[in-house]
Amino acid sequence: MGTSRNSRSTGEMISTFAFAGMAAKLTYNALEWDGGLLAHTALWLSAIACFLGALRFPLQAIKDRRRR
């Protein structure tokens, strides 16, 4: 369908680092959390979502390779 891009724009790289940084921060907060279960679960789910956001380009590349 489309052509694959190996180079990423500056904005894409910045957002990847932002996702990775937030994943690290949320993971740290979840590990140190002493509050309620609901907030603890929300921290972990947010950390996982940010981690997957940081990996969106490698995950897309794997999906594209498996599709061929």
N, C-alpha and C. Protein backbone atom coordinates (compact mmCIF):
# COMPACT_ATOMS: atom_id res chain seq x y z
N MET A 1 0.83 -1.17 0.00
CA MET A 1 0.00 0.00 0.00
C MET A 1 0.88 1.24 0.00
N GLY A 2 1.49 1.61 1.12
CA GLY A 2 2.36 2.76 1.20
C GLY A 2 3.81 2.32 1.26
N THR A 3 4.70 3.27 1.15
CA THR A 3 6.10 2.95 1.27
C THR A 3 6.52 3.07 2.72
N SER A 4 7.49 2.26 3.12
CA SER A 4 7.94 2.32 4.51
C SER A 4 9.01 3.39 4.65
N ARG A 5 8.95 4.08 5.76
CA ARG A 5 9.91 5.15 6.04
C ARG A 5 10.86 4.67 7.12
N ASN A 6 12.15 4.83 6.88
CA ASN A 6 13.13 4.48 7.90
C ASN A 6 13.50 5.69 8.74
N SER A 7 13.45 6.88 8.18
CA SER A 7 13.80 8.07 8.94
C SER A 7 12.55 8.68 9.55
N ARG A 8 12.69 9.21 10.72
CA ARG A 8 11.56 9.81 11.44
C ARG A 8 11.76 11.31 11.51
N SER A 9 10.66 12.04 11.55
CA SER A 9 10.74 13.49 11.66
C SER A 9 11.14 13.87 13.09
N THR A 10 11.52 15.10 13.26
CA THR A 10 11.90 15.59 14.58
C THR A 10 10.73 15.50 15.55
N GLY A 11 9.54 15.83 15.10
CA GLY A 11 8.36 15.74 15.95
C GLY A 11 8.07 14.32 16.40
N GLU A 12 8.26 13.36 15.52
CA GLU A 12 8.05 11.96 15.87
C GLU A 12 9.07 11.49 16.90
N MET A 13 10.31 11.94 16.76
CA MET A 13 11.34 11.57 17.72
C MET A 13 11.07 12.21 19.08
N ILE A 14 10.64 13.46 19.09
CA ILE A 14 10.33 14.14 20.35
C ILE A 14 9.18 13.43 21.06
N SER A 15 8.14 13.07 20.32
CA SER A 15 7.01 12.39 20.95
C SER A 15 7.41 11.01 21.46
N THR A 16 8.30 10.32 20.76
CA THR A 16 8.78 9.02 21.23
C THR A 16 9.52 9.17 22.55
N PHE A 17 10.40 10.18 22.65
CA PHE A 17 11.11 10.41 23.91
C PHE A 17 10.15 10.83 25.02
N ALA A 18 9.13 11.60 24.67
CA ALA A 18 8.14 12.01 25.68
C ALA A 18 7.38 10.79 26.20
N PHE A 19 6.96 9.90 25.31
CA PHE A 19 6.30 8.67 25.73
C PHE A 19 7.21 7.83 26.63
N ALA A 20 8.47 7.68 26.23
CA ALA A 20 9.41 6.88 27.01
C ALA A 20 9.66 7.50 28.38
N GLY A 21 9.83 8.81 28.41
CA GLY A 21 10.06 9.49 29.68
C GLY A 21 8.86 9.37 30.62
N MET A 22 7.67 9.54 30.07
CA MET A 22 6.48 9.40 30.91
C MET A 22 6.28 7.96 31.37
N ALA A 23 6.63 6.99 30.53
CA ALA A 23 6.54 5.59 30.94
C ALA A 23 7.47 5.33 32.12
N ALA A 24 8.68 5.88 32.07
CA ALA A 24 9.63 5.70 33.17
C ALA A 24 9.12 6.38 34.45
N LYS A 25 8.62 7.59 34.31
CA LYS A 25 8.11 8.33 35.47
C LYS A 25 6.90 7.65 36.09
N LEU A 26 5.96 7.20 35.25
CA LEU A 26 4.77 6.52 35.76
C LEU A 26 5.11 5.18 36.39
N THR A 27 6.08 4.47 35.83
CA THR A 27 6.53 3.21 36.43
C THR A 27 7.12 3.46 37.81
N TYR A 28 7.97 4.48 37.91
CA TYR A 28 8.56 4.83 39.20
C TYR A 28 7.46 5.18 40.20
N ASN A 29 6.50 6.01 39.79
CA ASN A 29 5.40 6.39 40.68
C ASN A 29 4.58 5.17 41.11
N ALA A 30 4.34 4.25 40.18
CA ALA A 30 3.57 3.05 40.50
C ALA A 30 4.32 2.17 41.50
N LEU A 31 5.64 2.09 41.35
CA LEU A 31 6.43 1.28 42.28
C LEU A 31 6.45 1.88 43.68
N GLU A 32 6.42 3.19 43.76
CA GLU A 32 6.49 3.88 45.05
C GLU A 32 5.11 4.19 45.65
N TRP A 33 4.03 3.86 44.95
CA TRP A 33 2.69 4.26 45.37
C TRP A 33 2.25 3.50 46.62
N ASP A 34 1.77 4.24 47.62
CA ASP A 34 1.25 3.65 48.85
C ASP A 34 -0.24 3.90 49.02
N GLY A 35 -0.87 4.48 48.03
CA GLY A 35 -2.29 4.84 48.11
C GLY A 35 -3.20 3.70 47.73
N GLY A 36 -4.36 4.05 47.23
CA GLY A 36 -5.41 3.08 46.92
C GLY A 36 -5.12 2.23 45.69
N LEU A 37 -5.84 1.15 45.61
CA LEU A 37 -5.66 0.17 44.53
C LEU A 37 -6.05 0.74 43.17
N LEU A 38 -7.12 1.52 43.12
CA LEU A 38 -7.58 2.07 41.85
C LEU A 38 -6.52 3.00 41.24
N ALA A 39 -5.97 3.88 42.03
CA ALA A 39 -4.93 4.78 41.54
C ALA A 39 -3.66 4.01 41.16
N HIS A 40 -3.33 2.99 41.94
CA HIS A 40 -2.16 2.16 41.64
C HIS A 40 -2.33 1.45 40.30
N THR A 41 -3.51 0.91 40.07
CA THR A 41 -3.81 0.24 38.80
C THR A 41 -3.77 1.24 37.64
N ALA A 42 -4.32 2.42 37.86
CA ALA A 42 -4.31 3.45 36.81
C ALA A 42 -2.88 3.87 36.47
N LEU A 43 -2.01 3.97 37.46
CA LEU A 43 -0.60 4.31 37.19
C LEU A 43 0.05 3.24 36.33
N TRP A 44 -0.16 1.97 36.67
CA TRP A 44 0.43 0.89 35.89
C TRP A 44 -0.12 0.84 34.47
N LEU A 45 -1.41 1.00 34.31
CA LEU A 45 -1.99 0.99 32.97
C LEU A 45 -1.48 2.17 32.14
N SER A 46 -1.34 3.32 32.77
CA SER A 46 -0.80 4.49 32.06
C SER A 46 0.66 4.26 31.67
N ALA A 47 1.43 3.66 32.55
CA ALA A 47 2.83 3.37 32.24
C ALA A 47 2.95 2.41 31.06
N ILE A 48 2.11 1.38 31.05
CA ILE A 48 2.13 0.41 29.94
C ILE A 48 1.71 1.08 28.64
N ALA A 49 0.68 1.92 28.68
CA ALA A 49 0.22 2.62 27.48
C ALA A 49 1.32 3.54 26.94
N CYS A 50 2.01 4.25 27.81
CA CYS A 50 3.11 5.13 27.36
C CYS A 50 4.26 4.32 26.79
N PHE A 51 4.56 3.17 27.42
CA PHE A 51 5.63 2.31 26.91
C PHE A 51 5.28 1.81 25.51
N LEU A 52 4.04 1.40 25.30
CA LEU A 52 3.62 0.96 23.97
C LEU A 52 3.63 2.12 22.98
N GLY A 53 3.31 3.32 23.44
CA GLY A 53 3.39 4.50 22.58
C GLY A 53 4.81 4.77 22.14
N ALA A 54 5.77 4.56 23.03
CA ALA A 54 7.18 4.75 22.68
C ALA A 54 7.65 3.70 21.67
N LEU A 55 7.03 2.53 21.71
CA LEU A 55 7.41 1.44 20.80
C LEU A 55 6.55 1.36 19.55
N ARG A 56 5.78 2.41 19.26
CA ARG A 56 4.82 2.32 18.16
C ARG A 56 5.47 2.09 16.80
N PHE A 57 6.64 2.67 16.55
CA PHE A 57 7.28 2.48 15.25
C PHE A 57 7.88 1.07 15.10
N PRO A 58 8.61 0.55 16.11
CA PRO A 58 9.06 -0.84 15.98
C PRO A 58 7.90 -1.84 15.90
N LEU A 59 6.83 -1.59 16.64
CA LEU A 59 5.68 -2.49 16.57
C LEU A 59 5.04 -2.46 15.18
N GLN A 60 4.98 -1.27 14.58
CA GLN A 60 4.43 -1.16 13.23
C GLN A 60 5.33 -1.88 12.22
N ALA A 61 6.64 -1.79 12.40
CA ALA A 61 7.57 -2.48 11.50
C ALA A 61 7.40 -3.99 11.60
N ILE A 62 7.21 -4.50 12.81
CA ILE A 62 6.98 -5.94 12.99
C ILE A 62 5.68 -6.35 12.32
N LYS A 63 4.65 -5.55 12.50
CA LYS A 63 3.36 -5.84 11.87
C LYS A 63 3.49 -5.85 10.36
N ASP A 64 4.21 -4.88 9.80
CA ASP A 64 4.39 -4.81 8.35
C ASP A 64 5.16 -6.02 7.83
N ARG A 65 6.19 -6.44 8.56
CA ARG A 65 6.97 -7.62 8.13
C ARG A 65 6.13 -8.89 8.17
N ARG A 66 5.30 -9.03 9.17
CA ARG A 66 4.46 -10.24 9.29
C ARG A 66 3.36 -10.26 8.22
N ARG A 67 2.95 -9.09 7.78
CA ARG A 67 1.88 -8.98 6.78
C ARG A 67 2.37 -9.41 5.40
N ARG A 68 3.64 -9.28 5.12
CA ARG A 68 4.18 -9.62 3.78
C ARG A 68 4.26 -11.09 3.55
